[in-house]
């Protein structure tokens, strides 16, 4: 598995796009040049949305470590979590709101849509 390289999270991004469209959530952009490379950005609301894969970002419920080379994978995932936390802090200091959505949450599209709409409708 060490030879596996992440190719982005196209499947999760496409799922979130379908949730946006089904719930008439507009104003988002992709591929914006911000620290941490958010998956989606709502510039007017200063909202950065990340879809975190359960394996790569260490979901407590769904991250299953491979049997081989466990020490490598534990360190790799721990570094990813640290990087996520640093990115969140950096963007918040710059005035951005951060919403992190777990990959498994995409199975609950109504909850995801409500979460995003709640942040977008809040004053701030």
N, C-alpha and C. Protein backbone atom coordinates (compact mmCIF):
# COMPACT_ATOMS: atom_id res chain seq x y z
N UNK A 1 0.81 -1.20 0.00
CA UNK A 1 0.00 0.00 0.00
C UNK A 1 0.85 1.27 0.00
N UNK A 2 2.10 1.17 0.42
CA UNK A 2 2.94 2.36 0.46
C UNK A 2 3.14 2.96 -0.91
N UNK A 3 2.98 2.17 -1.95
CA UNK A 3 3.15 2.67 -3.31
C UNK A 3 1.90 3.40 -3.81
N UNK A 4 0.82 3.32 -3.06
CA UNK A 4 -0.42 3.97 -3.48
C UNK A 4 -0.29 5.47 -3.27
N UNK A 5 -0.56 6.21 -4.28
CA UNK A 5 -0.52 7.67 -4.19
C UNK A 5 -1.94 8.21 -4.36
N UNK A 6 -2.26 9.17 -3.55
CA UNK A 6 -3.57 9.79 -3.64
C UNK A 6 -3.72 10.50 -4.98
N UNK A 7 -4.85 10.30 -5.61
CA UNK A 7 -5.14 10.96 -6.88
C UNK A 7 -6.26 11.97 -6.72
N UNK A 8 -6.38 12.50 -5.52
CA UNK A 8 -7.48 13.42 -5.26
C UNK A 8 -8.67 12.62 -4.77
N UNK A 9 -9.72 13.33 -4.50
CA UNK A 9 -10.91 12.67 -4.00
C UNK A 9 -12.09 12.96 -4.92
N UNK A 10 -11.90 12.66 -6.17
CA UNK A 10 -12.89 12.99 -7.20
C UNK A 10 -14.27 12.43 -6.89
N UNK A 11 -14.34 11.19 -6.42
CA UNK A 11 -15.63 10.58 -6.14
C UNK A 11 -16.38 11.34 -5.05
N UNK A 12 -15.68 11.68 -3.98
CA UNK A 12 -16.35 12.41 -2.90
C UNK A 12 -16.73 13.82 -3.34
N UNK A 13 -15.88 14.46 -4.11
CA UNK A 13 -16.20 15.80 -4.59
C UNK A 13 -17.43 15.77 -5.50
N UNK A 14 -17.50 14.78 -6.38
CA UNK A 14 -18.67 14.68 -7.26
C UNK A 14 -19.94 14.42 -6.47
N UNK A 15 -19.84 13.63 -5.42
CA UNK A 15 -21.01 13.37 -4.57
C UNK A 15 -21.45 14.66 -3.90
N UNK A 16 -20.51 15.45 -3.41
CA UNK A 16 -20.88 16.72 -2.76
C UNK A 16 -21.47 17.69 -3.78
N UNK A 17 -20.94 17.70 -4.99
CA UNK A 17 -21.53 18.55 -6.04
C UNK A 17 -22.99 18.16 -6.28
N UNK A 18 -23.26 16.87 -6.31
CA UNK A 18 -24.65 16.42 -6.53
C UNK A 18 -25.54 16.85 -5.37
N UNK A 19 -24.99 16.85 -4.14
CA UNK A 19 -25.77 17.33 -2.99
C UNK A 19 -26.02 18.83 -3.12
N UNK A 20 -25.00 19.59 -3.53
CA UNK A 20 -25.19 21.03 -3.76
C UNK A 20 -26.31 21.27 -4.76
N UNK A 21 -26.24 20.60 -5.87
CA UNK A 21 -27.23 20.82 -6.93
C UNK A 21 -28.62 20.39 -6.52
N UNK A 22 -28.75 19.26 -5.86
CA UNK A 22 -30.06 18.76 -5.43
C UNK A 22 -30.69 19.68 -4.39
N UNK A 23 -29.87 20.41 -3.66
CA UNK A 23 -30.37 21.28 -2.60
C UNK A 23 -30.24 22.76 -2.92
N UNK A 24 -29.97 23.06 -4.19
CA UNK A 24 -29.88 24.43 -4.70
C UNK A 24 -28.89 25.28 -3.89
N UNK A 25 -27.76 24.68 -3.57
CA UNK A 25 -26.69 25.40 -2.89
C UNK A 25 -25.77 25.95 -3.97
N UNK A 26 -25.68 27.26 -4.03
CA UNK A 26 -24.91 27.92 -5.09
C UNK A 26 -23.79 28.76 -4.49
N UNK A 27 -22.95 29.26 -5.37
CA UNK A 27 -21.89 30.17 -4.96
C UNK A 27 -20.57 29.50 -4.65
N UNK A 28 -20.48 28.20 -4.87
CA UNK A 28 -19.25 27.47 -4.57
C UNK A 28 -18.32 27.46 -5.77
N UNK A 29 -17.05 27.34 -5.46
CA UNK A 29 -16.01 27.23 -6.48
C UNK A 29 -15.05 26.13 -6.06
N UNK A 30 -14.40 25.54 -7.04
CA UNK A 30 -13.38 24.53 -6.79
C UNK A 30 -12.03 25.07 -7.22
N UNK A 31 -10.98 24.39 -6.80
CA UNK A 31 -9.61 24.71 -7.22
C UNK A 31 -9.21 26.16 -6.94
N UNK A 32 -9.61 26.64 -5.77
CA UNK A 32 -9.22 27.98 -5.37
C UNK A 32 -7.87 27.92 -4.67
N UNK A 33 -7.06 28.94 -4.87
CA UNK A 33 -5.71 28.94 -4.31
C UNK A 33 -5.75 29.46 -2.88
N UNK A 34 -5.98 28.53 -1.98
CA UNK A 34 -5.96 28.81 -0.55
C UNK A 34 -5.11 27.75 0.14
N UNK A 35 -4.55 28.07 1.29
CA UNK A 35 -3.77 27.06 2.02
C UNK A 35 -4.60 25.81 2.29
N UNK A 36 -3.99 24.66 2.12
CA UNK A 36 -4.68 23.40 2.37
C UNK A 36 -5.53 22.91 1.22
N UNK A 37 -5.67 23.72 0.18
CA UNK A 37 -6.44 23.36 -1.01
C UNK A 37 -7.85 22.84 -0.67
N UNK A 38 -8.72 23.71 -0.15
CA UNK A 38 -10.08 23.28 0.15
C UNK A 38 -10.75 22.68 -1.09
N UNK A 39 -11.63 21.72 -0.87
CA UNK A 39 -12.33 21.10 -1.99
C UNK A 39 -13.33 22.06 -2.61
N UNK A 40 -13.96 22.87 -1.76
CA UNK A 40 -14.94 23.86 -2.23
C UNK A 40 -14.77 25.13 -1.42
N UNK A 41 -14.98 26.26 -2.08
CA UNK A 41 -14.86 27.55 -1.43
C UNK A 41 -16.09 28.38 -1.78
N UNK A 42 -16.68 28.98 -0.75
CA UNK A 42 -17.75 29.96 -0.92
C UNK A 42 -17.12 31.30 -0.55
N UNK A 43 -16.59 31.99 -1.56
CA UNK A 43 -15.79 33.20 -1.32
C UNK A 43 -16.58 34.29 -0.59
N UNK A 44 -17.81 34.53 -1.00
CA UNK A 44 -18.58 35.62 -0.39
C UNK A 44 -18.81 35.40 1.10
N UNK A 45 -18.91 34.17 1.50
CA UNK A 45 -19.13 33.84 2.91
C UNK A 45 -17.84 33.46 3.62
N UNK A 46 -16.74 33.50 2.91
CA UNK A 46 -15.45 33.09 3.47
C UNK A 46 -15.56 31.71 4.14
N UNK A 47 -16.11 30.76 3.38
CA UNK A 47 -16.28 29.40 3.87
C UNK A 47 -15.46 28.45 3.00
N UNK A 48 -14.61 27.67 3.65
CA UNK A 48 -13.82 26.65 2.97
C UNK A 48 -14.36 25.29 3.42
N UNK A 49 -14.68 24.43 2.45
CA UNK A 49 -15.23 23.12 2.74
C UNK A 49 -14.23 22.05 2.31
N UNK A 50 -13.94 21.16 3.24
CA UNK A 50 -13.05 20.03 2.97
C UNK A 50 -13.86 18.75 3.12
N UNK A 51 -13.69 17.83 2.19
CA UNK A 51 -14.28 16.49 2.33
C UNK A 51 -13.11 15.57 2.69
N UNK A 52 -13.12 15.10 3.92
CA UNK A 52 -12.02 14.29 4.42
C UNK A 52 -12.32 12.80 4.28
N UNK A 53 -11.47 12.11 3.54
CA UNK A 53 -11.61 10.68 3.37
C UNK A 53 -11.37 9.96 4.69
N UNK A 54 -12.19 8.97 4.98
CA UNK A 54 -12.10 8.28 6.27
C UNK A 54 -10.74 7.65 6.51
N UNK A 55 -10.14 7.03 5.50
CA UNK A 55 -8.83 6.41 5.69
C UNK A 55 -7.74 7.47 5.82
N UNK A 56 -7.63 8.34 4.84
CA UNK A 56 -6.50 9.27 4.77
C UNK A 56 -6.48 10.31 5.87
N UNK A 57 -7.65 10.59 6.46
CA UNK A 57 -7.72 11.64 7.48
C UNK A 57 -8.01 11.08 8.87
N UNK A 58 -7.99 9.75 9.01
CA UNK A 58 -8.05 9.13 10.33
C UNK A 58 -9.40 9.16 11.02
N UNK A 59 -10.47 8.89 10.30
CA UNK A 59 -11.80 8.82 10.91
C UNK A 59 -11.78 7.78 12.03
N UNK A 60 -12.23 8.17 13.21
CA UNK A 60 -12.20 7.26 14.37
C UNK A 60 -13.12 6.06 14.16
N UNK A 61 -14.17 6.23 13.37
CA UNK A 61 -15.12 5.13 13.15
C UNK A 61 -14.72 4.20 12.01
N UNK A 62 -14.12 4.75 10.96
CA UNK A 62 -13.95 3.98 9.73
C UNK A 62 -12.53 3.74 9.26
N UNK A 63 -11.56 4.38 9.87
CA UNK A 63 -10.18 4.19 9.43
C UNK A 63 -9.67 2.85 9.91
N UNK A 64 -9.41 1.97 8.99
CA UNK A 64 -8.87 0.64 9.30
C UNK A 64 -7.44 0.57 8.78
N UNK A 65 -6.51 0.42 9.69
CA UNK A 65 -5.11 0.36 9.32
C UNK A 65 -4.81 -0.94 8.58
N UNK A 66 -4.02 -0.86 7.53
CA UNK A 66 -3.59 -2.07 6.84
C UNK A 66 -2.76 -2.94 7.79
N UNK A 67 -2.78 -4.22 7.57
CA UNK A 67 -2.02 -5.14 8.42
C UNK A 67 -0.52 -4.99 8.20
N UNK A 68 -0.14 -4.70 6.98
CA UNK A 68 1.28 -4.54 6.66
C UNK A 68 1.75 -3.12 6.97
N UNK A 69 2.94 -3.02 7.52
CA UNK A 69 3.61 -1.74 7.72
C UNK A 69 2.77 -0.76 8.55
N UNK A 70 2.22 -1.27 9.65
CA UNK A 70 1.30 -0.45 10.46
C UNK A 70 1.95 0.80 11.02
N UNK A 71 3.21 0.71 11.41
CA UNK A 71 3.87 1.90 11.96
C UNK A 71 3.91 3.03 10.93
N UNK A 72 4.25 2.69 9.69
CA UNK A 72 4.27 3.69 8.62
C UNK A 72 2.90 4.36 8.48
N UNK A 73 1.85 3.54 8.43
CA UNK A 73 0.52 4.09 8.20
C UNK A 73 0.03 4.91 9.38
N UNK A 74 0.34 4.48 10.60
CA UNK A 74 -0.07 5.27 11.77
C UNK A 74 0.58 6.66 11.72
N UNK A 75 1.88 6.70 11.40
CA UNK A 75 2.58 7.99 11.31
C UNK A 75 2.03 8.84 10.16
N UNK A 76 1.76 8.20 9.03
CA UNK A 76 1.24 8.91 7.86
C UNK A 76 -0.10 9.56 8.18
N UNK A 77 -1.01 8.80 8.76
CA UNK A 77 -2.34 9.33 9.10
C UNK A 77 -2.21 10.41 10.17
N UNK A 78 -1.35 10.20 11.17
CA UNK A 78 -1.14 11.21 12.21
C UNK A 78 -0.63 12.52 11.61
N UNK A 79 0.29 12.42 10.66
CA UNK A 79 0.78 13.65 9.99
C UNK A 79 -0.34 14.33 9.21
N UNK A 80 -1.19 13.54 8.56
CA UNK A 80 -2.31 14.12 7.82
C UNK A 80 -3.25 14.88 8.76
N UNK A 81 -3.54 14.28 9.92
CA UNK A 81 -4.42 14.93 10.90
C UNK A 81 -3.78 16.21 11.42
N UNK A 82 -2.48 16.18 11.70
CA UNK A 82 -1.79 17.39 12.15
C UNK A 82 -1.84 18.48 11.08
N UNK A 83 -1.62 18.09 9.83
CA UNK A 83 -1.68 19.05 8.72
C UNK A 83 -3.08 19.64 8.60
N UNK A 84 -4.11 18.80 8.74
CA UNK A 84 -5.49 19.30 8.69
C UNK A 84 -5.73 20.34 9.78
N UNK A 85 -5.26 20.05 10.99
CA UNK A 85 -5.44 20.99 12.10
C UNK A 85 -4.70 22.30 11.85
N UNK A 86 -3.50 22.22 11.32
CA UNK A 86 -2.72 23.43 11.02
C UNK A 86 -3.42 24.25 9.93
N UNK A 87 -3.92 23.57 8.92
CA UNK A 87 -4.63 24.25 7.83
C UNK A 87 -5.86 24.97 8.37
N UNK A 88 -6.61 24.28 9.21
CA UNK A 88 -7.81 24.88 9.80
C UNK A 88 -7.45 26.12 10.59
N UNK A 89 -6.45 26.03 11.45
CA UNK A 89 -6.04 27.19 12.25
C UNK A 89 -5.58 28.35 11.36
N UNK A 90 -4.80 28.04 10.35
CA UNK A 90 -4.27 29.08 9.45
C UNK A 90 -5.41 29.81 8.74
N UNK A 91 -6.34 29.05 8.20
CA UNK A 91 -7.46 29.68 7.48
C UNK A 91 -8.37 30.47 8.43
N UNK A 92 -8.58 29.94 9.62
CA UNK A 92 -9.41 30.67 10.59
C UNK A 92 -8.76 31.99 10.98
N UNK A 93 -7.45 31.99 11.16
CA UNK A 93 -6.74 33.23 11.48
C UNK A 93 -6.88 34.25 10.34
N UNK A 94 -7.03 33.74 9.12
CA UNK A 94 -7.18 34.62 7.96
C UNK A 94 -8.64 35.02 7.74
N UNK A 95 -9.53 34.63 8.67
CA UNK A 95 -10.93 35.05 8.59
C UNK A 95 -11.87 34.08 7.90
N UNK A 96 -11.42 32.88 7.64
CA UNK A 96 -12.25 31.88 6.97
C UNK A 96 -12.96 30.99 7.97
N UNK A 97 -14.19 30.60 7.61
CA UNK A 97 -14.90 29.56 8.34
C UNK A 97 -14.51 28.24 7.68
N UNK A 98 -14.40 27.20 8.47
CA UNK A 98 -14.00 25.91 7.95
C UNK A 98 -15.09 24.89 8.25
N UNK A 99 -15.45 24.13 7.25
CA UNK A 99 -16.38 23.02 7.43
C UNK A 99 -15.70 21.77 6.89
N UNK A 100 -15.52 20.81 7.77
CA UNK A 100 -14.92 19.53 7.38
C UNK A 100 -16.02 18.49 7.40
N UNK A 101 -16.18 17.81 6.27
CA UNK A 101 -17.21 16.79 6.12
C UNK A 101 -16.52 15.45 5.93
N UNK A 102 -16.87 14.48 6.76
CA UNK A 102 -16.30 13.16 6.60
C UNK A 102 -16.90 12.47 5.39
N UNK A 103 -16.09 11.68 4.74
CA UNK A 103 -16.52 10.90 3.58
C UNK A 103 -17.78 10.10 3.89
N UNK A 104 -17.85 9.47 5.06
CA UNK A 104 -19.01 8.65 5.40
C UNK A 104 -20.29 9.49 5.56
N UNK A 105 -20.14 10.79 5.84
CA UNK A 105 -21.31 11.66 6.00
C UNK A 105 -22.03 11.89 4.68
N UNK A 106 -21.33 11.68 3.57
CA UNK A 106 -21.95 11.89 2.27
C UNK A 106 -23.10 10.90 2.03
N UNK A 107 -23.18 9.86 2.86
CA UNK A 107 -24.29 8.92 2.77
C UNK A 107 -25.56 9.50 3.38
N UNK A 108 -25.42 10.67 4.02
CA UNK A 108 -26.56 11.37 4.62
C UNK A 108 -26.68 12.75 3.97
N UNK A 109 -27.09 12.79 2.70
CA UNK A 109 -27.05 14.05 1.96
C UNK A 109 -27.91 15.16 2.57
N UNK A 110 -29.01 14.82 3.19
CA UNK A 110 -29.85 15.86 3.79
C UNK A 110 -29.12 16.52 4.95
N UNK A 111 -28.45 15.73 5.78
CA UNK A 111 -27.68 16.28 6.89
C UNK A 111 -26.55 17.16 6.37
N UNK A 112 -25.85 16.71 5.33
CA UNK A 112 -24.75 17.49 4.76
C UNK A 112 -25.27 18.82 4.23
N UNK A 113 -26.36 18.77 3.48
CA UNK A 113 -26.94 20.00 2.91
C UNK A 113 -27.37 20.96 4.02
N UNK A 114 -28.00 20.44 5.06
CA UNK A 114 -28.43 21.30 6.16
C UNK A 114 -27.24 21.92 6.88
N UNK A 115 -26.19 21.15 7.05
CA UNK A 115 -24.99 21.69 7.70
C UNK A 115 -24.40 22.85 6.92
N UNK A 116 -24.30 22.67 5.61
CA UNK A 116 -23.73 23.72 4.77
C UNK A 116 -24.65 24.93 4.72
N UNK A 117 -25.96 24.70 4.56
CA UNK A 117 -26.90 25.82 4.52
C UNK A 117 -26.90 26.60 5.84
N UNK A 118 -26.75 25.88 6.93
CA UNK A 118 -26.71 26.55 8.25
C UNK A 118 -25.52 27.50 8.34
N UNK A 119 -24.37 27.06 7.90
CA UNK A 119 -23.18 27.91 7.95
C UNK A 119 -23.34 29.09 6.98
N UNK A 120 -23.87 28.81 5.78
CA UNK A 120 -24.02 29.87 4.79
C UNK A 120 -25.04 30.92 5.19
N UNK A 121 -26.07 30.52 5.94
CA UNK A 121 -27.12 31.48 6.31
C UNK A 121 -26.79 32.25 7.58
N UNK A 122 -25.77 31.80 8.31
CA UNK A 122 -25.40 32.49 9.56
C UNK A 122 -24.80 33.86 9.23
N UNK A 123 -25.12 34.81 10.08
CA UNK A 123 -24.53 36.14 9.93
C UNK A 123 -23.06 36.08 10.29
N UNK A 124 -22.29 36.85 9.61
CA UNK A 124 -20.88 36.86 9.98
C UNK A 124 -20.00 37.39 8.93
